[in-house]
Structures are given as C-alpha cells and as structure tokens.
Amino acid sequence: MARFPMDHDPVVGHCQFADGAMRPVYDDGKRQYVIDDDGYRVHGVWRIPEDEPDLPLIVPAGEDPKNQGRNA
C-alpha cells in the first residue's frame, strides 16, 4: 500500500526508470511526482508539458541568422 493516497491526483503520463520499471507520473496541481519502490513520492519534472513554447533563437548582434553556417 502506498504511503500517500493518489486518489485525486491525475496521471499525466508514464516514465520508464533505469531499473526498467514503468511508473505513472502524477500531478498534484503544483508539481509532478512518481511513487518509488517504498511507496514515497519523488517530486521532479518527469514529463515536459506539451504547451511549452519553443526556445528562442539567439543571434549575436551584427549577425544575420540567414547566413549562419555559411562562409562569408
């Protein structure tokens, strides 16, 4: 029996760990967690939200992004 009830926390995905176990990832509204072998919550970012924006393109001043990777 798990030490923390997850009755109301939705499963947002699954994550495979190094030991081969596939564990459900829960979201308690503030952060994500999985349940370890001893029944304790392990908080972390287990699944990246799909609605995250793409990283911005950073171009140093004076460079044209269209010419990146080309010899001038």
PDB file of N, CA and C in Angstrom:
ATOM      1  N   MET A   1       0.843  -1.192   0.000  1.00  0.00           N
ATOM      2  CA  MET A   1       0.000   0.000   0.000  1.00  0.00           C
ATOM      3  C   MET A   1       0.877   1.241   0.000  1.00  0.00           C
ATOM      4  N   ALA A   2       0.539   2.204  -0.831  1.00  0.00           N
ATOM      5  CA  ALA A   2       1.324   3.434  -0.931  1.00  0.00           C
ATOM      6  C   ALA A   2       1.165   4.274   0.325  1.00  0.00           C
ATOM      7  N   ARG A   3       2.196   4.972   0.671  1.00  0.00           N
ATOM      8  CA  ARG A   3       2.180   5.806   1.873  1.00  0.00           C
ATOM      9  C   ARG A   3       1.373   7.088   1.665  1.00  0.00           C
ATOM     10  N   PHE A   4       1.212   7.504   0.416  1.00  0.00           N
ATOM     11  CA  PHE A   4       0.450   8.708   0.109  1.00  0.00           C
ATOM     12  C   PHE A   4      -0.680   8.349  -0.840  1.00  0.00           C
ATOM     13  N   PRO A   5      -1.923   8.676  -0.490  1.00  0.00           N
ATOM     14  CA  PRO A   5      -3.026   8.367  -1.407  1.00  0.00           C
ATOM     15  C   PRO A   5      -2.965   9.260  -2.642  1.00  0.00           C
ATOM     16  N   MET A   6      -3.207   8.681  -3.799  1.00  0.00           N
ATOM     17  CA  MET A   6      -3.206   9.432  -5.048  1.00  0.00           C
ATOM     18  C   MET A   6      -4.600   9.468  -5.655  1.00  0.00           C
ATOM     19  N   ASP A   7      -5.620   9.268  -4.856  1.00  0.00           N
ATOM     20  CA  ASP A   7      -6.982   9.131  -5.363  1.00  0.00           C
ATOM     21  C   ASP A   7      -7.407  10.309  -6.244  1.00  0.00           C
ATOM     22  N   HIS A   8      -6.964  11.516  -5.898  1.00  0.00           N
ATOM     23  CA  HIS A   8      -7.459  12.695  -6.588  1.00  0.00           C
ATOM     24  C   HIS A   8      -6.444  13.311  -7.535  1.00  0.00           C
ATOM     25  N   ASP A   9      -5.232  12.807  -7.549  1.00  0.00           N
ATOM     26  CA  ASP A   9      -4.207  13.360  -8.432  1.00  0.00           C
ATOM     27  C   ASP A   9      -4.230  12.617  -9.765  1.00  0.00           C
ATOM     28  N   PRO A  10      -4.379  13.363 -10.870  1.00  0.00           N
ATOM     29  CA  PRO A  10      -4.470  12.704 -12.176  1.00  0.00           C
ATOM     30  C   PRO A  10      -3.117  12.176 -12.651  1.00  0.00           C
ATOM     31  N   VAL A  11      -3.163  11.089 -13.387  1.00  0.00           N
ATOM     32  CA  VAL A  11      -1.977  10.560 -14.044  1.00  0.00           C
ATOM     33  C   VAL A  11      -1.785  11.362 -15.323  1.00  0.00           C
ATOM     34  N   VAL A  12      -0.605  11.979 -15.483  1.00  0.00           N
ATOM     35  CA  VAL A  12      -0.343  12.810 -16.662  1.00  0.00           C
ATOM     36  C   VAL A  12       0.562  12.100 -17.663  1.00  0.00           C
ATOM     37  N   GLY A  13       0.995  10.900 -17.332  1.00  0.00           N
ATOM     38  CA  GLY A  13       1.834  10.141 -18.250  1.00  0.00           C
ATOM     39  C   GLY A  13       2.543   9.019 -17.515  1.00  0.00           C
ATOM     40  N   HIS A  14       3.485   8.408 -18.194  1.00  0.00           N
ATOM     41  CA  HIS A  14       4.281   7.329 -17.621  1.00  0.00           C
ATOM     42  C   HIS A  14       5.743   7.574 -17.961  1.00  0.00           C
ATOM     43  N   CYS A  15       6.630   7.094 -17.098  1.00  0.00           N
ATOM     44  CA  CYS A  15       8.058   7.286 -17.297  1.00  0.00           C
ATOM     45  C   CYS A  15       8.781   5.995 -16.960  1.00  0.00           C
ATOM     46  N   GLN A  16       9.681   5.566 -17.856  1.00  0.00           N
ATOM     47  CA  GLN A  16      10.452   4.366 -17.596  1.00  0.00           C
ATOM     48  C   GLN A  16      11.743   4.746 -16.886  1.00  0.00           C
ATOM     49  N   PHE A  17      12.051   4.029 -15.809  1.00  0.00           N
ATOM     50  CA  PHE A  17      13.218   4.328 -14.994  1.00  0.00           C
ATOM     51  C   PHE A  17      14.349   3.366 -15.305  1.00  0.00           C
ATOM     52  N   ALA A  18      15.522   3.637 -14.759  1.00  0.00           N
ATOM     53  CA  ALA A  18      16.726   2.851 -15.041  1.00  0.00           C
ATOM     54  C   ALA A  18      16.570   1.380 -14.672  1.00  0.00           C
ATOM     55  N   ASP A  19      15.732   1.104 -13.672  1.00  0.00           N
ATOM     56  CA  ASP A  19      15.530  -0.290 -13.274  1.00  0.00           C
ATOM     57  C   ASP A  19      14.542  -1.019 -14.187  1.00  0.00           C
ATOM     58  N   GLY A  20      14.041  -0.316 -15.197  1.00  0.00           N
ATOM     59  CA  GLY A  20      13.113  -0.911 -16.150  1.00  0.00           C
ATOM     60  C   GLY A  20      11.655  -0.738 -15.778  1.00  0.00           C
ATOM     61  N   ALA A  21      11.394  -0.250 -14.569  1.00  0.00           N
ATOM     62  CA  ALA A  21      10.011  -0.061 -14.127  1.00  0.00           C
ATOM     63  C   ALA A  21       9.368   1.107 -14.864  1.00  0.00           C
ATOM     64  N   MET A  22       8.133   0.903 -15.292  1.00  0.00           N
ATOM     65  CA  MET A  22       7.347   1.960 -15.911  1.00  0.00           C
ATOM     66  C   MET A  22       6.395   2.470 -14.835  1.00  0.00           C
ATOM     67  N   ARG A  23       6.595   3.718 -14.420  1.00  0.00           N
ATOM     68  CA  ARG A  23       5.798   4.260 -13.322  1.00  0.00           C
ATOM     69  C   ARG A  23       4.875   5.367 -13.824  1.00  0.00           C
ATOM     70  N   PRO A  24       3.664   5.453 -13.266  1.00  0.00           N
ATOM     71  CA  PRO A  24       2.786   6.563 -13.619  1.00  0.00           C
ATOM     72  C   PRO A  24       3.319   7.865 -13.024  1.00  0.00           C
ATOM     73  N   VAL A  25       3.135   8.947 -13.755  1.00  0.00           N
ATOM     74  CA  VAL A  25       3.521  10.277 -13.301  1.00  0.00           C
ATOM     75  C   VAL A  25       2.244  10.996 -12.901  1.00  0.00           C
ATOM     76  N   TYR A  26       2.205  11.493 -11.667  1.00  0.00           N
ATOM     77  CA  TYR A  26       1.037  12.197 -11.133  1.00  0.00           C
ATOM     78  C   TYR A  26       1.315  13.694 -11.099  1.00  0.00           C
ATOM     79  N   ASP A  27       0.238  14.486 -11.119  1.00  0.00           N
ATOM     80  CA  ASP A  27       0.343  15.936 -10.992  1.00  0.00           C
ATOM     81  C   ASP A  27      -0.619  16.368  -9.903  1.00  0.00           C
ATOM     82  N   ASP A  28      -0.071  16.980  -8.846  1.00  0.00           N
ATOM     83  CA  ASP A  28      -0.911  17.396  -7.728  1.00  0.00           C
ATOM     84  C   ASP A  28      -1.380  18.842  -7.859  1.00  0.00           C
ATOM     85  N   GLY A  29      -1.184  19.433  -9.033  1.00  0.00           N
ATOM     86  CA  GLY A  29      -1.603  20.807  -9.264  1.00  0.00           C
ATOM     87  C   GLY A  29      -0.485  21.802  -9.050  1.00  0.00           C
ATOM     88  N   LYS A  30       0.573  21.401  -8.368  1.00  0.00           N
ATOM     89  CA  LYS A  30       1.722  22.263  -8.129  1.00  0.00           C
ATOM     90  C   LYS A  30       2.981  21.692  -8.758  1.00  0.00           C
ATOM     91  N   ARG A  31       3.126  20.376  -8.685  1.00  0.00           N
ATOM     92  CA  ARG A  31       4.316  19.723  -9.220  1.00  0.00           C
ATOM     93  C   ARG A  31       4.011  18.267  -9.541  1.00  0.00           C
ATOM     94  N   GLN A  32       4.947  17.636 -10.234  1.00  0.00           N
ATOM     95  CA  GLN A  32       4.780  16.249 -10.645  1.00  0.00           C
ATOM     96  C   GLN A  32       5.517  15.336  -9.680  1.00  0.00           C
ATOM     97  N   TYR A  33       5.055  14.096  -9.606  1.00  0.00           N
ATOM     98  CA  TYR A  33       5.744  13.117  -8.773  1.00  0.00           C
ATOM     99  C   TYR A  33       5.467  11.710  -9.260  1.00  0.00           C
ATOM    100  N   VAL A  34       6.338  10.800  -8.864  1.00  0.00           N
ATOM    101  CA  VAL A  34       6.149   9.371  -9.066  1.00  0.00           C
ATOM    102  C   VAL A  34       6.232   8.727  -7.687  1.00  0.00           C
ATOM    103  N   ILE A  35       5.795   7.486  -7.601  1.00  0.00           N
ATOM    104  CA  ILE A  35       5.864   6.741  -6.347  1.00  0.00           C
ATOM    105  C   ILE A  35       7.029   5.762  -6.458  1.00  0.00           C
ATOM    106  N   ASP A  36       7.968   5.826  -5.502  1.00  0.00           N
ATOM    107  CA  ASP A  36       9.126   4.923  -5.566  1.00  0.00           C
ATOM    108  C   ASP A  36       8.766   3.535  -5.037  1.00  0.00           C
ATOM    109  N   ASP A  37       9.740   2.641  -5.031  1.00  0.00           N
ATOM    110  CA  ASP A  37       9.502   1.254  -4.618  1.00  0.00           C
ATOM    111  C   ASP A  37       9.033   1.134  -3.175  1.00  0.00           C
ATOM    112  N   ASP A  38       9.368   2.122  -2.339  1.00  0.00           N
ATOM    113  CA  ASP A  38       8.969   2.094  -0.934  1.00  0.00           C
ATOM    114  C   ASP A  38       7.642   2.807  -0.678  1.00  0.00           C
ATOM    115  N   GLY A  39       7.029   3.340  -1.733  1.00  0.00           N
ATOM    116  CA  GLY A  39       5.731   3.987  -1.591  1.00  0.00           C
ATOM    117  C   GLY A  39       5.789   5.466  -1.282  1.00  0.00           C
ATOM    118  N   TYR A  40       6.959   6.086  -1.444  1.00  0.00           N
ATOM    119  CA  TYR A  40       7.095   7.518  -1.177  1.00  0.00           C
ATOM    120  C   TYR A  40       7.048   8.312  -2.474  1.00  0.00           C
ATOM    121  N   ARG A  41       6.569   9.552  -2.366  1.00  0.00           N
ATOM    122  CA  ARG A  41       6.551  10.452  -3.511  1.00  0.00           C
ATOM    123  C   ARG A  41       7.973  10.921  -3.815  1.00  0.00           C
ATOM    124  N   VAL A  42       8.292  10.957  -5.096  1.00  0.00           N
ATOM    125  CA  VAL A  42       9.555  11.527  -5.552  1.00  0.00           C
ATOM    126  C   VAL A  42       9.182  12.626  -6.538  1.00  0.00           C
ATOM    127  N   HIS A  43       9.356  13.892  -6.097  1.00  0.00           N
ATOM    128  CA  HIS A  43       8.969  15.029  -6.932  1.00  0.00           C
ATOM    129  C   HIS A  43      10.062  15.352  -7.932  1.00  0.00           C
ATOM    130  N   GLY A  44       9.641  15.837  -9.082  1.00  0.00           N
ATOM    131  CA  GLY A  44      10.565  16.236 -10.135  1.00  0.00           C
ATOM    132  C   GLY A  44       9.792  16.603 -11.375  1.00  0.00           C
ATOM    133  N   VAL A  45      10.494  16.930 -12.422  1.00  0.00           N
ATOM    134  CA  VAL A  45       9.860  17.200 -13.713  1.00  0.00           C
ATOM    135  C   VAL A  45      10.042  15.934 -14.537  1.00  0.00           C
ATOM    136  N   TRP A  46       9.028  15.113 -14.510  1.00  0.00           N
ATOM    137  CA  TRP A  46       9.084  13.821 -15.179  1.00  0.00           C
ATOM    138  C   TRP A  46       8.574  13.906 -16.605  1.00  0.00           C
ATOM    139  N   ARG A  47       7.672  14.815 -16.859  1.00  0.00           N
ATOM    140  CA  ARG A  47       7.106  14.979 -18.201  1.00  0.00           C
ATOM    141  C   ARG A  47       7.106  16.469 -18.514  1.00  0.00           C
ATOM    142  N   ILE A  48       7.671  16.824 -19.654  1.00  0.00           N
ATOM    143  CA  ILE A  48       7.684  18.223 -20.077  1.00  0.00           C
ATOM    144  C   ILE A  48       6.305  18.552 -20.648  1.00  0.00           C
ATOM    145  N   PRO A  49       5.677  19.623 -20.149  1.00  0.00           N
ATOM    146  CA  PRO A  49       4.359  19.991 -20.686  1.00  0.00           C
ATOM    147  C   PRO A  49       4.433  20.270 -22.183  1.00  0.00           C
ATOM    148  N   GLU A  50       3.437  19.790 -22.910  1.00  0.00           N
ATOM    149  CA  GLU A  50       3.426  19.954 -24.358  1.00  0.00           C
ATOM    150  C   GLU A  50       3.190  21.396 -24.783  1.00  0.00           C
ATOM    151  N   ASP A  51       2.616  22.211 -23.915  1.00  0.00           N
ATOM    152  CA  ASP A  51       2.321  23.580 -24.303  1.00  0.00           C
ATOM    153  C   ASP A  51       3.481  24.532 -24.034  1.00  0.00           C
ATOM    154  N   GLU A  52       4.665  24.001 -23.710  1.00  0.00           N
ATOM    155  CA  GLU A  52       5.837  24.848 -23.520  1.00  0.00           C
ATOM    156  C   GLU A  52       6.239  25.459 -24.861  1.00  0.00           C
ATOM    157  N   PRO A  53       6.562  26.737 -24.878  1.00  0.00           N
ATOM    158  CA  PRO A  53       6.977  27.352 -26.140  1.00  0.00           C
ATOM    159  C   PRO A  53       8.361  26.854 -26.553  1.00  0.00           C
ATOM    160  N   ASP A  54       8.649  26.951 -27.854  1.00  0.00           N
ATOM    161  CA  ASP A  54       9.978  26.609 -28.348  1.00  0.00           C
ATOM    162  C   ASP A  54      10.987  27.602 -27.788  1.00  0.00           C
ATOM    163  N   LEU A  55      12.213  27.156 -27.650  1.00  0.00           N
ATOM    164  CA  LEU A  55      13.259  28.047 -27.183  1.00  0.00           C
ATOM    165  C   LEU A  55      13.504  29.137 -28.215  1.00  0.00           C
ATOM    166  N   PRO A  56      13.820  30.354 -27.754  1.00  0.00           N
ATOM    167  CA  PRO A  56      14.056  31.443 -28.700  1.00  0.00           C
ATOM    168  C   PRO A  56      15.381  31.260 -29.437  1.00  0.00           C
ATOM    169  N   LEU A  57      15.460  31.806 -30.641  1.00  0.00           N
ATOM    170  CA  LEU A  57      16.693  31.815 -31.403  1.00  0.00           C
ATOM    171  C   LEU A  57      17.488  33.022 -30.953  1.00  0.00           C
ATOM    172  N   ILE A  58      18.710  32.797 -30.486  1.00  0.00           N
ATOM    173  CA  ILE A  58      19.567  33.887 -30.017  1.00  0.00           C
ATOM    174  C   ILE A  58      20.653  34.113 -31.051  1.00  0.00           C
ATOM    175  N   VAL A  59      20.677  35.319 -31.594  1.00  0.00           N
ATOM    176  CA  VAL A  59      21.647  35.681 -32.622  1.00  0.00           C
ATOM    177  C   VAL A  59      22.475  36.842 -32.087  1.00  0.00           C
ATOM    178  N   PRO A  60      23.800  36.682 -32.048  1.00  0.00           N
ATOM    179  CA  PRO A  60      24.637  37.802 -31.597  1.00  0.00           C
ATOM    180  C   PRO A  60      24.423  39.043 -32.461  1.00  0.00           C
ATOM    181  N   ALA A  61      24.573  40.211 -31.864  1.00  0.00           N
ATOM    182  CA  ALA A  61      24.373  41.471 -32.580  1.00  0.00           C
ATOM    183  C   ALA A  61      25.295  41.546 -33.789  1.00  0.00           C
ATOM    184  N   GLY A  62      24.765  41.999 -34.894  1.00  0.00           N
ATOM    185  CA  GLY A  62      25.556  42.186 -36.099  1.00  0.00           C
ATOM    186  C   GLY A  62      25.592  40.975 -37.010  1.00  0.00           C
ATOM    187  N   GLU A  63      24.990  39.858 -36.602  1.00  0.00           N
ATOM    188  CA  GLU A  63      24.972  38.664 -37.453  1.00  0.00           C
ATOM    189  C   GLU A  63      23.586  38.475 -38.038  1.00  0.00           C
ATOM    190  N   ASP A  64      23.556  37.988 -39.264  1.00  0.00           N
ATOM    191  CA  ASP A  64      22.304  37.703 -39.938  1.00  0.00           C
ATOM    192  C   ASP A  64      21.998  36.215 -39.744  1.00  0.00           C
ATOM    193  N   PRO A  65      20.862  35.868 -39.132  1.00  0.00           N
ATOM    194  CA  PRO A  65      20.563  34.450 -38.890  1.00  0.00           C
ATOM    195  C   PRO A  65      20.444  33.645 -40.177  1.00  0.00           C
ATOM    196  N   LYS A  66      20.198  34.282 -41.300  1.00  0.00           N
ATOM    197  CA  LYS A  66      20.084  33.579 -42.580  1.00  0.00           C
ATOM    198  C   LYS A  66      21.442  33.094 -43.077  1.00  0.00           C
ATOM    199  N   ASN A  67      22.521  33.728 -42.591  1.00  0.00           N
ATOM    200  CA  ASN A  67      23.869  33.386 -43.061  1.00  0.00           C
ATOM    201  C   ASN A  67      24.620  32.497 -42.090  1.00  0.00           C
ATOM    202  N   GLN A  68      23.970  31.982 -41.073  1.00  0.00           N
ATOM    203  CA  GLN A  68      24.663  31.125 -40.101  1.00  0.00           C
ATOM    204  C   GLN A  68      25.117  29.845 -40.786  1.00  0.00           C
ATOM    205  N   GLY A  69      26.351  29.450 -40.521  1.00  0.00           N
ATOM    206  CA  GLY A  69      26.882  28.226 -41.072  1.00  0.00           C
ATOM    207  C   GLY A  69      27.468  28.367 -42.469  1.00  0.00           C
ATOM    208  N   ARG A  70      27.426  29.553 -43.022  1.00  0.00           N
ATOM    209  CA  ARG A  70      27.988  29.803 -44.354  1.00  0.00           C
ATOM    210  C   ARG A  70      29.277  30.598 -44.231  1.00  0.00           C
ATOM    211  N   ASN A  71      30.187  30.373 -45.121  1.00  0.00           N
ATOM    212  CA  ASN A  71      31.406  31.172 -45.163  1.00  0.00           C
ATOM    213  C   ASN A  71      31.101  32.482 -45.874  1.00  0.00           C
ATOM    214  N   ALA A  72      31.574  33.568 -45.322  1.00  0.00           N
ATOM    215  CA  ALA A  72      31.290  34.883 -45.914  1.00  0.00           C
ATOM    216  C   ALA A  72      32.180  35.182 -47.092  1.00  0.00           C
TER     217      ALA A  72
END
